[in-house]
Amino acid sequence: MLVCSAYNFSPKQIQLTWLRNDQDVTEGVSYTDVIPDGKLYYQFHSHLEYTPTSGDKISCMVKHFTLFEPRVIVWNDSFTEEEKTQIVVGLGALMLGLVMLTSGFIYYKKMSALYNSICQGRAVIPVDVIPKF
């Protein structure tokens, strides 16, 4: 479900149109009433039920008296380069953290097993190492 919204406009006459590959879309489109916000301005919303397909260009076109030309907002489902970089860095940090956590857990288990064996008297200490007084 895609949503196209217009806020803080006056007068209340407005037109929102959904476009798929620069062609009007009428199926799966719903509109709210123009809603006053109590300050002499209005808001308006439109919803498009849409299943993404590769290569489709979906946009919302807004026509209003205060705009010199229609405003077209293109829906883009791909990540920007900055977002891709942030995801890769985040995943790398997560993997490094998991490796360190696993290493620490293995070290802890080995040290705790060694400590338990010493404390329970199962450790073999050579006789020549015991100091004599």
N, C-alpha and C. Protein backbone atom coordinates (compact mmCIF):
# COMPACT_ATOMS: atom_id res chain seq x y z
N MET A 1 0.84 -1.17 0.00
CA MET A 1 0.00 0.00 0.00
C MET A 1 0.89 1.24 0.00
N LEU A 2 0.77 2.04 -1.00
CA LEU A 2 1.51 3.31 -1.08
C LEU A 2 0.57 4.44 -0.69
N VAL A 3 1.10 5.45 -0.05
CA VAL A 3 0.30 6.59 0.39
C VAL A 3 0.91 7.86 -0.17
N CYS A 4 0.06 8.70 -0.71
CA CYS A 4 0.47 10.02 -1.18
C CYS A 4 -0.36 11.03 -0.40
N SER A 5 0.30 11.97 0.26
CA SER A 5 -0.40 12.93 1.12
C SER A 5 0.00 14.34 0.77
N ALA A 6 -0.99 15.23 0.88
CA ALA A 6 -0.74 16.67 0.70
C ALA A 6 -1.18 17.36 1.99
N TYR A 7 -0.31 18.20 2.54
CA TYR A 7 -0.59 18.90 3.79
C TYR A 7 -0.46 20.40 3.60
N ASN A 8 -1.14 21.15 4.48
CA ASN A 8 -1.00 22.61 4.59
C ASN A 8 -1.22 23.34 3.27
N PHE A 9 -2.34 23.07 2.63
CA PHE A 9 -2.65 23.78 1.40
C PHE A 9 -4.00 24.48 1.55
N SER A 10 -4.17 25.53 0.76
CA SER A 10 -5.42 26.28 0.71
C SER A 10 -5.43 27.01 -0.61
N PRO A 11 -6.49 27.10 -1.33
CA PRO A 11 -7.84 26.60 -1.10
C PRO A 11 -7.90 25.08 -1.16
N LYS A 12 -9.08 24.54 -0.81
CA LYS A 12 -9.18 23.10 -0.62
C LYS A 12 -9.27 22.29 -1.91
N GLN A 13 -9.41 22.90 -3.06
CA GLN A 13 -9.47 22.16 -4.32
C GLN A 13 -8.07 21.65 -4.66
N ILE A 14 -7.95 20.34 -4.77
CA ILE A 14 -6.66 19.70 -5.05
C ILE A 14 -6.92 18.43 -5.84
N GLN A 15 -5.91 18.00 -6.58
CA GLN A 15 -6.03 16.77 -7.34
C GLN A 15 -4.75 15.94 -7.16
N LEU A 16 -4.93 14.70 -6.69
CA LEU A 16 -3.82 13.75 -6.59
C LEU A 16 -4.07 12.65 -7.59
N THR A 17 -3.06 12.32 -8.38
CA THR A 17 -3.18 11.28 -9.40
C THR A 17 -2.01 10.33 -9.27
N TRP A 18 -2.30 9.04 -9.34
CA TRP A 18 -1.25 8.02 -9.35
C TRP A 18 -0.87 7.71 -10.79
N LEU A 19 0.43 7.55 -11.03
CA LEU A 19 0.93 7.24 -12.37
C LEU A 19 1.80 5.98 -12.30
N ARG A 20 1.61 5.09 -13.26
CA ARG A 20 2.49 3.93 -13.43
C ARG A 20 3.09 4.07 -14.82
N ASN A 21 4.40 4.24 -14.87
CA ASN A 21 5.11 4.46 -16.13
C ASN A 21 4.50 5.63 -16.90
N ASP A 22 4.21 6.71 -16.16
CA ASP A 22 3.66 7.97 -16.70
C ASP A 22 2.25 7.82 -17.27
N GLN A 23 1.53 6.76 -16.92
CA GLN A 23 0.14 6.56 -17.33
C GLN A 23 -0.75 6.59 -16.08
N ASP A 24 -1.93 7.21 -16.19
CA ASP A 24 -2.84 7.27 -15.05
C ASP A 24 -3.22 5.88 -14.56
N VAL A 25 -3.30 5.73 -13.23
CA VAL A 25 -3.73 4.49 -12.60
C VAL A 25 -5.06 4.76 -11.92
N THR A 26 -6.05 3.89 -12.18
CA THR A 26 -7.35 4.06 -11.54
C THR A 26 -7.73 2.87 -10.67
N GLU A 27 -7.18 1.70 -10.96
CA GLU A 27 -7.49 0.51 -10.16
C GLU A 27 -6.69 0.51 -8.87
N GLY A 28 -7.35 0.16 -7.76
CA GLY A 28 -6.67 0.06 -6.47
C GLY A 28 -6.38 1.39 -5.83
N VAL A 29 -7.03 2.47 -6.32
CA VAL A 29 -6.79 3.81 -5.79
C VAL A 29 -7.96 4.22 -4.90
N SER A 30 -7.65 4.77 -3.74
CA SER A 30 -8.69 5.31 -2.86
C SER A 30 -8.25 6.68 -2.36
N TYR A 31 -9.25 7.51 -2.03
CA TYR A 31 -9.00 8.87 -1.59
C TYR A 31 -9.75 9.14 -0.29
N THR A 32 -9.17 10.00 0.55
CA THR A 32 -9.90 10.49 1.71
C THR A 32 -10.64 11.75 1.28
N ASP A 33 -11.50 12.25 2.15
CA ASP A 33 -12.07 13.56 1.93
C ASP A 33 -11.00 14.59 2.23
N VAL A 34 -11.17 15.79 1.69
CA VAL A 34 -10.26 16.88 2.05
C VAL A 34 -10.55 17.23 3.50
N ILE A 35 -9.52 17.19 4.33
CA ILE A 35 -9.70 17.34 5.78
C ILE A 35 -9.16 18.69 6.22
N PRO A 36 -10.01 19.52 6.86
CA PRO A 36 -9.49 20.78 7.40
C PRO A 36 -8.66 20.51 8.66
N ASP A 37 -7.57 21.27 8.83
CA ASP A 37 -6.76 21.06 10.02
C ASP A 37 -7.03 22.09 11.11
N GLY A 38 -8.04 22.94 10.90
CA GLY A 38 -8.43 23.91 11.91
C GLY A 38 -7.72 25.24 11.82
N LYS A 39 -6.78 25.40 10.90
CA LYS A 39 -6.02 26.65 10.78
C LYS A 39 -6.13 27.21 9.36
N LEU A 40 -7.25 27.02 8.74
CA LEU A 40 -7.52 27.47 7.37
C LEU A 40 -6.74 26.71 6.32
N TYR A 41 -6.08 25.65 6.71
CA TYR A 41 -5.38 24.79 5.77
C TYR A 41 -6.04 23.42 5.74
N TYR A 42 -5.65 22.63 4.73
CA TYR A 42 -6.27 21.33 4.53
C TYR A 42 -5.20 20.26 4.32
N GLN A 43 -5.67 19.01 4.40
CA GLN A 43 -4.82 17.88 4.05
C GLN A 43 -5.66 16.88 3.28
N PHE A 44 -4.98 16.08 2.46
CA PHE A 44 -5.66 15.14 1.58
C PHE A 44 -4.74 13.94 1.38
N HIS A 45 -5.32 12.75 1.36
CA HIS A 45 -4.53 11.53 1.25
C HIS A 45 -5.11 10.61 0.19
N SER A 46 -4.22 9.91 -0.49
CA SER A 46 -4.62 8.91 -1.46
C SER A 46 -3.79 7.65 -1.23
N HIS A 47 -4.42 6.50 -1.42
CA HIS A 47 -3.76 5.20 -1.22
C HIS A 47 -3.79 4.42 -2.53
N LEU A 48 -2.72 3.71 -2.79
CA LEU A 48 -2.64 2.86 -3.98
C LEU A 48 -2.25 1.46 -3.53
N GLU A 49 -3.12 0.50 -3.79
CA GLU A 49 -2.78 -0.90 -3.55
C GLU A 49 -1.95 -1.34 -4.74
N TYR A 50 -0.72 -1.74 -4.45
CA TYR A 50 0.22 -1.98 -5.55
C TYR A 50 1.17 -3.11 -5.19
N THR A 51 1.34 -4.03 -6.10
CA THR A 51 2.34 -5.08 -5.98
C THR A 51 3.51 -4.70 -6.87
N PRO A 52 4.68 -4.44 -6.27
CA PRO A 52 5.81 -3.97 -7.07
C PRO A 52 6.23 -4.99 -8.14
N THR A 53 6.52 -4.48 -9.31
CA THR A 53 7.07 -5.29 -10.38
C THR A 53 8.32 -4.59 -10.90
N SER A 54 9.24 -5.38 -11.36
CA SER A 54 10.51 -4.84 -11.82
C SER A 54 10.31 -3.91 -13.01
N GLY A 55 10.94 -2.75 -12.93
CA GLY A 55 10.91 -1.81 -14.05
C GLY A 55 9.76 -0.82 -14.00
N ASP A 56 8.79 -1.01 -13.11
CA ASP A 56 7.68 -0.05 -13.01
C ASP A 56 8.14 1.24 -12.33
N LYS A 57 7.68 2.35 -12.86
CA LYS A 57 7.94 3.65 -12.26
C LYS A 57 6.60 4.16 -11.72
N ILE A 58 6.49 4.21 -10.40
CA ILE A 58 5.26 4.66 -9.76
C ILE A 58 5.46 6.06 -9.23
N SER A 59 4.50 6.95 -9.50
CA SER A 59 4.60 8.31 -9.01
C SER A 59 3.23 8.85 -8.64
N CYS A 60 3.26 9.88 -7.82
CA CYS A 60 2.06 10.58 -7.40
C CYS A 60 2.18 12.01 -7.93
N MET A 61 1.15 12.45 -8.64
CA MET A 61 1.17 13.80 -9.20
C MET A 61 0.15 14.66 -8.46
N VAL A 62 0.60 15.82 -7.99
CA VAL A 62 -0.25 16.74 -7.24
C VAL A 62 -0.46 17.99 -8.07
N LYS A 63 -1.75 18.33 -8.26
CA LYS A 63 -2.10 19.58 -8.95
C LYS A 63 -2.87 20.44 -7.97
N HIS A 64 -2.42 21.69 -7.84
CA HIS A 64 -3.08 22.64 -6.94
C HIS A 64 -2.89 24.05 -7.47
N PHE A 65 -3.80 24.91 -7.11
CA PHE A 65 -3.80 26.30 -7.54
C PHE A 65 -2.50 27.02 -7.22
N THR A 66 -1.88 26.69 -6.10
CA THR A 66 -0.66 27.39 -5.66
C THR A 66 0.61 26.90 -6.35
N LEU A 67 0.52 25.81 -7.10
CA LEU A 67 1.68 25.27 -7.79
C LEU A 67 1.71 25.78 -9.22
N PHE A 68 2.86 26.23 -9.69
CA PHE A 68 2.99 26.70 -11.06
C PHE A 68 2.87 25.55 -12.05
N GLU A 69 3.35 24.39 -11.64
CA GLU A 69 3.23 23.20 -12.46
C GLU A 69 2.97 22.02 -11.53
N PRO A 70 2.39 20.94 -12.04
CA PRO A 70 2.12 19.79 -11.17
C PRO A 70 3.41 19.27 -10.54
N ARG A 71 3.32 18.88 -9.29
CA ARG A 71 4.46 18.31 -8.58
C ARG A 71 4.36 16.79 -8.67
N VAL A 72 5.41 16.16 -9.14
CA VAL A 72 5.44 14.71 -9.29
C VAL A 72 6.45 14.13 -8.31
N ILE A 73 5.98 13.22 -7.47
CA ILE A 73 6.84 12.55 -6.50
C ILE A 73 6.98 11.10 -6.96
N VAL A 74 8.21 10.68 -7.26
CA VAL A 74 8.46 9.34 -7.77
C VAL A 74 8.79 8.42 -6.60
N TRP A 75 8.10 7.28 -6.56
CA TRP A 75 8.38 6.26 -5.54
C TRP A 75 9.56 5.45 -6.02
N ASN A 76 10.57 5.33 -5.12
CA ASN A 76 11.78 4.61 -5.46
C ASN A 76 12.00 3.54 -4.41
N ASP A 77 12.04 2.27 -4.82
CA ASP A 77 12.19 1.17 -3.87
C ASP A 77 13.63 0.70 -3.70
N SER A 78 14.57 1.38 -4.33
CA SER A 78 15.96 0.94 -4.20
C SER A 78 16.68 1.81 -3.18
N PHE A 79 17.80 1.31 -2.66
CA PHE A 79 18.58 2.02 -1.67
C PHE A 79 19.57 2.97 -2.36
N THR A 80 19.86 4.09 -1.71
CA THR A 80 20.90 4.99 -2.21
C THR A 80 22.26 4.37 -1.87
N GLU A 81 23.32 4.91 -2.45
CA GLU A 81 24.66 4.40 -2.17
C GLU A 81 25.01 4.57 -0.69
N GLU A 82 24.61 5.68 -0.09
CA GLU A 82 24.88 5.90 1.33
C GLU A 82 24.16 4.86 2.19
N GLU A 83 22.91 4.55 1.85
CA GLU A 83 22.17 3.54 2.61
C GLU A 83 22.81 2.16 2.45
N LYS A 84 23.26 1.85 1.24
CA LYS A 84 23.93 0.57 1.01
C LYS A 84 25.21 0.48 1.84
N THR A 85 25.98 1.57 1.88
CA THR A 85 27.22 1.59 2.67
C THR A 85 26.91 1.40 4.15
N GLN A 86 25.87 2.07 4.65
CA GLN A 86 25.50 1.92 6.05
C GLN A 86 25.09 0.49 6.37
N ILE A 87 24.39 -0.16 5.48
CA ILE A 87 23.97 -1.54 5.69
C ILE A 87 25.19 -2.46 5.73
N VAL A 88 26.12 -2.28 4.79
CA VAL A 88 27.32 -3.12 4.74
C VAL A 88 28.16 -2.93 6.00
N VAL A 89 28.36 -1.68 6.42
CA VAL A 89 29.14 -1.41 7.63
C VAL A 89 28.44 -2.02 8.85
N GLY A 90 27.14 -1.86 8.94
CA GLY A 90 26.39 -2.43 10.05
C GLY A 90 26.49 -3.95 10.10
N LEU A 91 26.36 -4.59 8.95
CA LEU A 91 26.49 -6.05 8.91
C LEU A 91 27.90 -6.49 9.26
N GLY A 92 28.90 -5.77 8.80
CA GLY A 92 30.29 -6.09 9.15
C GLY A 92 30.52 -5.99 10.65
N ALA A 93 30.01 -4.92 11.27
CA ALA A 93 30.15 -4.76 12.72
C ALA A 93 29.41 -5.86 13.46
N LEU A 94 28.25 -6.24 12.96
CA LEU A 94 27.49 -7.33 13.58
C LEU A 94 28.26 -8.64 13.51
N MET A 95 28.85 -8.94 12.36
CA MET A 95 29.63 -10.18 12.21
C MET A 95 30.85 -10.16 13.12
N LEU A 96 31.56 -9.04 13.18
CA LEU A 96 32.72 -8.92 14.06
C LEU A 96 32.31 -9.13 15.52
N GLY A 97 31.20 -8.55 15.90
CA GLY A 97 30.69 -8.72 17.26
C GLY A 97 30.35 -10.17 17.56
N LEU A 98 29.73 -10.86 16.61
CA LEU A 98 29.40 -12.27 16.80
C LEU A 98 30.66 -13.13 16.93
N VAL A 99 31.69 -12.85 16.12
CA VAL A 99 32.94 -13.59 16.20
C VAL A 99 33.59 -13.37 17.57
N MET A 100 33.60 -12.12 18.03
CA MET A 100 34.21 -11.84 19.33
C MET A 100 33.40 -12.48 20.46
N LEU A 101 32.10 -12.45 20.38
CA LEU A 101 31.25 -13.08 21.38
C LEU A 101 31.50 -14.59 21.44
N THR A 102 31.54 -15.22 20.28
CA THR A 102 31.78 -16.66 20.22
C THR A 102 33.17 -17.01 20.76
N SER A 103 34.18 -16.23 20.37
CA SER A 103 35.54 -16.47 20.88
C SER A 103 35.59 -16.32 22.39
N GLY A 104 34.98 -15.29 22.91
CA GLY A 104 34.94 -15.07 24.35
C GLY A 104 34.23 -16.19 25.08
N PHE A 105 33.15 -16.68 24.51
CA PHE A 105 32.41 -17.78 25.13
C PHE A 105 33.25 -19.06 25.15
N ILE A 106 33.92 -19.37 24.06
CA ILE A 106 34.78 -20.56 24.00
C ILE A 106 35.93 -20.43 25.00
N TYR A 107 36.56 -19.26 25.07
CA TYR A 107 37.64 -19.03 26.03
C TYR A 107 37.13 -19.21 27.45
N TYR A 108 35.97 -18.64 27.75
CA TYR A 108 35.38 -18.76 29.08
C TYR A 108 35.13 -20.22 29.43
N LYS A 109 34.56 -20.97 28.52
CA LYS A 109 34.26 -22.38 28.78
C LYS A 109 35.54 -23.18 29.05
N LYS A 110 36.59 -22.94 28.27
CA LYS A 110 37.85 -23.67 28.47
C LYS A 110 38.48 -23.29 29.80
N MET A 111 38.50 -22.00 30.14
CA MET A 111 39.09 -21.56 31.40
C MET A 111 38.27 -22.06 32.58
N SER A 112 36.96 -22.06 32.46
CA SER A 112 36.14 -22.52 33.56
C SER A 112 36.31 -24.03 33.75
N ALA A 113 36.48 -24.79 32.69
CA ALA A 113 36.72 -26.24 32.81
C ALA A 113 38.07 -26.47 33.49
N LEU A 114 39.10 -25.71 33.12
CA LEU A 114 40.42 -25.84 33.74
C LEU A 114 40.35 -25.47 35.22
N TYR A 115 39.67 -24.39 35.55
CA TYR A 115 39.54 -23.95 36.93
C TYR A 115 38.80 -25.01 37.76
N ASN A 116 37.71 -25.54 37.20
CA ASN A 116 36.94 -26.56 37.93
C ASN A 116 37.78 -27.81 38.16
N SER A 117 38.58 -28.21 37.19
CA SER A 117 39.39 -29.41 37.37
C SER A 117 40.47 -29.18 38.43
N ILE A 118 41.02 -27.97 38.53
CA ILE A 118 42.02 -27.66 39.55
C ILE A 118 41.36 -27.62 40.93
N CYS A 119 40.21 -26.97 41.02
CA CYS A 119 39.52 -26.83 42.30
C CYS A 119 39.01 -28.16 42.83
N GLN A 120 38.69 -29.07 41.99
CA GLN A 120 38.17 -30.37 42.44
C GLN A 120 39.28 -31.38 42.67
N GLY A 121 40.53 -30.96 42.58
CA GLY A 121 41.66 -31.81 42.88
C GLY A 121 41.99 -32.82 41.81
N ARG A 122 41.49 -32.64 40.64
CA ARG A 122 41.78 -33.59 39.57
C ARG A 122 43.02 -33.21 38.79
N ALA A 123 43.54 -32.06 39.08
CA ALA A 123 44.72 -31.64 38.34
C ALA A 123 45.93 -32.39 38.87
N VAL A 124 46.76 -32.81 37.97
CA VAL A 124 47.97 -33.53 38.36
C VAL A 124 49.10 -32.52 38.42
N ILE A 125 49.67 -32.37 39.64
CA ILE A 125 50.79 -31.45 39.82
C ILE A 125 52.03 -32.30 40.07
N PRO A 126 53.05 -32.16 39.25
CA PRO A 126 54.26 -32.97 39.45
C PRO A 126 54.84 -32.73 40.83
N VAL A 127 55.37 -33.81 41.44
CA VAL A 127 55.91 -33.77 42.81
C VAL A 127 57.13 -32.85 42.90
N ASP A 128 57.96 -32.84 41.87
CA ASP A 128 59.15 -32.02 41.95
C ASP A 128 58.87 -30.52 41.85
N VAL A 129 57.61 -30.13 41.55
CA VAL A 129 57.27 -28.74 41.46
C VAL A 129 56.79 -28.21 42.80
N ILE A 130 56.34 -29.12 43.70
CA ILE A 130 55.83 -28.70 44.99
C ILE A 130 57.01 -28.22 45.84
N PRO A 131 56.92 -26.99 46.35
CA PRO A 131 58.05 -26.50 47.17
C PRO A 131 58.12 -27.23 48.52
N LYS A 132 59.33 -27.45 48.99
CA LYS A 132 59.55 -28.11 50.27
C LYS A 132 60.11 -27.08 51.23
N PHE A 133 59.62 -27.12 52.47
CA PHE A 133 60.11 -26.18 53.48
C PHE A 133 60.93 -26.86 54.49
